[in-house]
């Protein structure tokens, strides 16, 4: 049972590291939008006085972005992330109160108190939104949405596991 949960936790960690490495490799690739912007002076250099030179500031048209970060789809996805993390918190807290133990080694650190456990799940939700925002800003819109799906799926799986092993 413990090996199964450790294996699931390892898969989650590997998936997150893979998503980060993919985004980092494309961010600094030779022909990435980031390096192209640096070459064409779209990224403004900072003057010695600390101000950005106004000759480099460019306006963006409304159609340039694929979508806004806080659009309807992301609002629904982030609501699902928050709801699944909340459900995971309550199931985990109930299992710990009835003599169970936390199997996730990261969450186990915070499982000593209700406040610590709550902060763990709030941090998980905030981290998912932050990672989605990073993917949005770097132009990886599919990964932006996938991050919420993966986190919601993992939380729902943990809730199911916790309810079935009471």
Protein backbone atom coordinates (compact mmCIF):
# COMPACT_ATOMS: atom_id res chain seq x y z
CA UNK A 1 0.00 0.00 0.00
CA UNK A 2 2.77 2.44 0.89
CA UNK A 3 4.74 1.59 -2.26
CA UNK A 4 1.64 2.25 -4.36
CA UNK A 5 1.21 5.76 -2.89
CA UNK A 6 4.92 6.49 -3.15
CA UNK A 7 4.77 5.42 -6.79
CA UNK A 8 1.81 7.76 -7.42
CA UNK A 9 3.64 10.62 -5.67
CA UNK A 10 6.74 9.92 -7.78
CA UNK A 11 4.68 10.07 -10.97
CA UNK A 12 3.29 13.45 -9.94
CA UNK A 13 6.75 14.80 -9.18
CA UNK A 14 8.17 13.51 -12.46
CA UNK A 15 5.27 15.04 -14.42
CA UNK A 16 5.77 18.46 -12.82
CA UNK A 17 9.53 18.34 -13.39
CA UNK A 18 8.97 17.31 -17.01
CA UNK A 19 6.57 20.22 -17.56
CA UNK A 20 9.06 22.64 -16.05
CA UNK A 21 11.97 21.32 -18.09
CA UNK A 22 9.97 21.47 -21.32
CA UNK A 23 8.98 25.06 -20.65
CA UNK A 24 12.51 26.04 -19.65
CA UNK A 25 14.07 24.41 -22.71
CA UNK A 26 11.67 26.15 -25.08
CA UNK A 27 12.06 29.44 -23.22
CA UNK A 28 15.80 29.52 -23.83
CA UNK A 29 15.89 27.75 -27.19
CA UNK A 30 17.64 29.48 -30.07
CA UNK A 31 14.46 30.50 -31.87
CA UNK A 32 12.14 30.93 -28.91
CA UNK A 33 9.96 34.05 -28.66
CA UNK A 34 11.99 35.06 -25.59
CA UNK A 35 15.33 35.15 -27.41
CA UNK A 36 13.72 36.69 -30.51
CA UNK A 37 12.32 39.48 -28.32
CA UNK A 38 15.76 40.06 -26.83
CA UNK A 39 17.35 40.25 -30.30
CA UNK A 40 14.76 42.68 -31.67
CA UNK A 41 14.80 44.90 -28.58
CA UNK A 42 11.24 44.06 -27.57
CA UNK A 43 12.55 43.57 -24.08
CA UNK A 44 13.54 47.02 -22.94
CA UNK A 45 16.99 47.55 -21.51
CA UNK A 46 17.18 49.33 -18.20
CA UNK A 47 19.08 52.59 -18.22
CA UNK A 48 21.64 53.39 -15.51
CA UNK A 49 19.03 55.59 -13.82
CA UNK A 50 16.82 52.52 -13.38
CA UNK A 51 14.07 53.58 -15.78
CA UNK A 52 13.04 51.71 -18.88
CA UNK A 53 13.70 53.58 -22.07
CA UNK A 54 10.38 54.66 -23.59
CA UNK A 55 11.59 53.97 -27.14
CA UNK A 56 11.34 50.24 -26.43
CA UNK A 57 7.85 50.21 -24.96
CA UNK A 58 5.43 48.77 -27.49
CA UNK A 59 1.70 48.47 -27.33
CA UNK A 60 0.13 45.10 -27.90
CA UNK A 61 -3.03 44.66 -29.87
CA UNK A 62 -5.94 42.91 -28.23
CA UNK A 63 -5.75 40.05 -30.73
CA UNK A 64 -2.07 39.32 -30.05
CA UNK A 65 -2.71 37.24 -26.95
CA UNK A 66 -4.37 33.88 -27.41
CA UNK A 67 -6.58 34.51 -24.38
CA UNK A 68 -6.61 36.37 -21.10
CA UNK A 69 -5.32 34.48 -18.09
CA UNK A 70 -8.45 35.01 -15.98
CA UNK A 71 -10.87 33.88 -18.68
CA UNK A 72 -13.94 31.72 -18.11
CA UNK A 73 -12.13 28.40 -18.70
CA UNK A 74 -9.35 29.16 -16.22
CA UNK A 75 -11.87 30.41 -13.66
CA UNK A 76 -13.69 27.08 -13.89
CA UNK A 77 -10.43 25.10 -13.74
CA UNK A 78 -9.11 27.04 -10.74
CA UNK A 79 -12.45 26.61 -8.97
CA UNK A 80 -12.11 22.86 -9.54
CA UNK A 81 -8.54 22.95 -8.21
CA UNK A 82 -9.67 24.78 -5.08
CA UNK A 83 -12.71 22.55 -4.54
CA UNK A 84 -10.72 19.33 -4.95
CA UNK A 85 -7.99 20.60 -2.61
CA UNK A 86 -10.67 21.52 -0.06
CA UNK A 87 -12.19 18.06 -0.30
CA UNK A 88 -8.73 16.51 0.03
CA UNK A 89 -8.11 18.63 3.15
CA UNK A 90 -11.33 17.52 4.87
CA UNK A 91 -10.86 13.83 4.03
CA UNK A 92 -7.22 13.90 5.12
CA UNK A 93 -8.07 15.71 8.35
CA UNK A 94 -10.87 13.23 9.14
CA UNK A 95 -8.57 10.26 8.50
CA UNK A 96 -5.81 11.74 10.67
CA UNK A 97 -8.29 12.46 13.47
CA UNK A 98 -9.47 8.83 13.46
CA UNK A 99 -5.96 7.44 13.88
CA UNK A 100 -4.79 7.29 10.25
CA UNK A 101 -1.50 8.61 9.00
CA UNK A 102 -0.49 10.78 6.08
CA UNK A 103 1.19 8.79 3.33
CA UNK A 104 2.42 11.74 1.26
CA UNK A 105 5.88 12.64 2.61
CA UNK A 106 5.52 16.32 1.67
CA UNK A 107 2.11 16.72 3.31
CA UNK A 108 3.23 14.66 6.31
CA UNK A 109 5.43 17.56 7.40
CA UNK A 110 2.31 19.75 7.78
CA UNK A 111 -0.04 17.05 9.11
CA UNK A 112 0.72 17.78 12.76
CA UNK A 113 -1.87 20.56 13.00
CA UNK A 114 -5.07 21.52 11.24
CA UNK A 115 -3.63 24.93 10.40
CA UNK A 116 -0.50 23.43 8.88
CA UNK A 117 -2.55 20.96 6.87
CA UNK A 118 -4.81 23.76 5.62
CA UNK A 119 -1.79 25.86 4.64
CA UNK A 120 -0.40 22.90 2.71
CA UNK A 121 -3.51 22.65 0.56
CA UNK A 122 -3.75 26.44 0.13
CA UNK A 123 -0.12 26.42 -1.00
CA UNK A 124 -0.85 23.59 -3.42
CA UNK A 125 -3.70 25.58 -4.96
CA UNK A 126 -1.63 28.76 -5.16
CA UNK A 127 1.27 26.84 -6.67
CA UNK A 128 -0.98 25.37 -9.35
CA UNK A 129 -2.33 28.81 -10.27
CA UNK A 130 1.21 30.22 -10.27
CA UNK A 131 2.53 27.46 -12.52
CA UNK A 132 -0.44 27.97 -14.86
CA UNK A 133 0.35 31.68 -14.98
CA UNK A 134 3.99 30.91 -15.81
CA UNK A 135 2.89 28.69 -18.68
CA UNK A 136 0.44 31.38 -19.85
CA UNK A 137 3.13 34.06 -19.88
CA UNK A 138 5.57 31.85 -21.77
CA UNK A 139 2.95 30.98 -24.41
CA UNK A 140 2.37 27.36 -23.38
CA UNK A 141 -1.41 27.59 -23.25
CA UNK A 142 -2.06 23.84 -23.40
CA UNK A 143 0.28 23.26 -20.45
CA UNK A 144 -1.44 26.15 -18.68
CA UNK A 145 -4.74 24.27 -18.78
CA UNK A 146 -3.16 20.83 -18.25
CA UNK A 147 -1.62 21.94 -14.95
CA UNK A 148 -5.09 22.45 -13.45
CA UNK A 149 -6.34 19.14 -14.85
CA UNK A 150 -3.40 17.22 -13.37
CA UNK A 151 -3.72 18.83 -9.94
CA UNK A 152 -7.49 18.31 -9.82
CA UNK A 153 -7.08 14.69 -10.90
CA UNK A 154 -4.47 14.02 -8.24
CA UNK A 155 -6.61 15.60 -5.51
CA UNK A 156 -9.72 13.70 -6.59
CA UNK A 157 -7.68 10.48 -6.62
CA UNK A 158 -6.43 11.23 -3.11
CA UNK A 159 -9.98 11.91 -1.93
CA UNK A 160 -11.15 8.62 -3.43
CA UNK A 161 -8.27 6.75 -1.85
CA UNK A 162 -8.87 8.40 1.52
CA UNK A 163 -12.59 7.62 1.47
CA UNK A 164 -12.02 4.00 0.51
CA UNK A 165 -9.45 3.43 3.27
CA UNK A 166 -11.27 4.81 6.30
